[in-house]
């Protein structure tokens, strides 16, 4: 599932339930955004699995940065699981 940082937890839960999916962990307040949950290291409770921190489930990001006219004023970065760049990016995703 692809998500934008501004998607609220409420909307994520509502969409996930349509095909019968559920989130294993979630913070209590459903008004928080996906980007905010990752940035603040929001978590639920956990006794098993990867853990209860939301950012542990991020497997990739696409980030758009501003550039000059030589690059068309924007550059798209694709960060995938397993690379150090993804770990660096999820530290401050909530400020985007």
Protein backbone atom coordinates (compact mmCIF):
# COMPACT_ATOMS: atom_id res chain seq x y z
CA UNK A 1 0.00 0.00 0.00
CA UNK A 2 1.41 3.39 -0.93
CA UNK A 3 0.75 6.27 1.48
CA UNK A 4 1.36 9.99 1.51
CA UNK A 5 2.64 11.63 4.73
CA UNK A 6 -0.61 13.60 5.18
CA UNK A 7 -2.89 10.55 5.32
CA UNK A 8 -4.51 10.30 8.75
CA UNK A 9 -4.48 7.16 10.82
CA UNK A 10 -8.29 7.20 10.72
CA UNK A 11 -8.27 7.12 6.88
CA UNK A 12 -5.57 4.44 6.83
CA UNK A 13 -7.57 2.20 9.15
CA UNK A 14 -10.77 2.75 7.16
CA UNK A 15 -9.07 1.84 3.86
CA UNK A 16 -7.21 -1.14 5.34
CA UNK A 17 -10.43 -2.70 6.60
CA UNK A 18 -12.03 -2.77 3.12
CA UNK A 19 -9.93 -5.75 1.91
CA UNK A 20 -9.91 -7.26 5.41
CA UNK A 21 -6.55 -5.90 6.60
CA UNK A 22 -5.70 -4.53 10.02
CA UNK A 23 -2.83 -2.61 11.57
CA UNK A 24 -0.94 -4.68 14.15
CA UNK A 25 -0.05 -1.59 16.19
CA UNK A 26 -1.32 1.97 16.28
CA UNK A 27 -1.19 4.98 18.57
CA UNK A 28 -4.40 5.73 20.44
CA UNK A 29 -5.33 9.01 18.69
CA UNK A 30 -6.63 8.38 15.14
CA UNK A 31 -6.18 12.00 14.01
CA UNK A 32 -2.39 11.74 13.66
CA UNK A 33 -0.91 11.59 10.14
CA UNK A 34 1.29 8.83 8.75
CA UNK A 35 4.20 11.28 8.44
CA UNK A 36 3.62 12.49 12.00
CA UNK A 37 3.56 8.93 13.37
CA UNK A 38 6.86 8.13 11.69
CA UNK A 39 8.53 11.41 12.64
CA UNK A 40 7.59 11.24 16.29
CA UNK A 41 8.29 7.51 16.54
CA UNK A 42 4.66 6.93 17.53
CA UNK A 43 3.95 3.46 18.78
CA UNK A 44 1.36 1.14 20.17
CA UNK A 45 2.05 -1.83 22.39
CA UNK A 46 3.68 -5.07 21.29
CA UNK A 47 4.58 -8.48 22.62
CA UNK A 48 5.82 -10.01 19.35
CA UNK A 49 6.83 -9.32 15.73
CA UNK A 50 8.82 -6.43 14.33
CA UNK A 51 7.74 -4.21 17.18
CA UNK A 52 5.27 -1.50 17.83
CA UNK A 53 7.01 1.49 16.27
CA UNK A 54 5.35 2.59 13.05
CA UNK A 55 8.58 3.53 11.26
CA UNK A 56 9.75 -0.10 11.45
CA UNK A 57 7.18 -0.93 8.76
CA UNK A 58 8.38 1.64 6.19
CA UNK A 59 9.87 -0.27 3.23
CA UNK A 60 10.39 2.57 0.76
CA UNK A 61 9.95 6.28 0.11
CA UNK A 62 9.72 8.62 -2.83
CA UNK A 63 10.89 12.15 -2.00
CA UNK A 64 10.72 15.18 -4.29
CA UNK A 65 13.34 17.91 -3.81
CA UNK A 66 13.69 21.28 -5.47
CA UNK A 67 16.50 21.75 -8.00
CA UNK A 68 17.54 24.31 -10.56
CA UNK A 69 16.32 24.82 -14.11
CA UNK A 70 18.94 22.38 -15.44
CA UNK A 71 17.04 19.54 -13.73
CA UNK A 72 13.53 20.78 -14.42
CA UNK A 73 13.26 22.34 -10.94
CA UNK A 74 12.61 19.03 -9.20
CA UNK A 75 14.28 15.69 -8.57
CA UNK A 76 12.57 12.50 -7.41
CA UNK A 77 14.52 10.26 -5.02
CA UNK A 78 13.44 6.65 -4.56
CA UNK A 79 14.68 5.06 -1.35
CA UNK A 80 14.27 1.34 -0.82
CA UNK A 81 14.46 -0.99 2.15
CA UNK A 82 17.94 -2.05 3.21
CA UNK A 83 19.76 1.15 2.34
CA UNK A 84 21.15 3.74 4.75
CA UNK A 85 19.34 6.55 2.94
CA UNK A 86 15.92 5.15 3.86
CA UNK A 87 16.88 4.97 7.52
CA UNK A 88 18.05 8.59 7.39
CA UNK A 89 14.88 9.77 5.65
CA UNK A 90 12.40 8.23 8.07
CA UNK A 91 13.98 10.25 10.88
CA UNK A 92 12.37 13.48 9.64
CA UNK A 93 9.56 12.45 7.30
CA UNK A 94 6.97 14.25 9.42
CA UNK A 95 8.34 17.69 8.53
CA UNK A 96 7.58 17.24 4.83
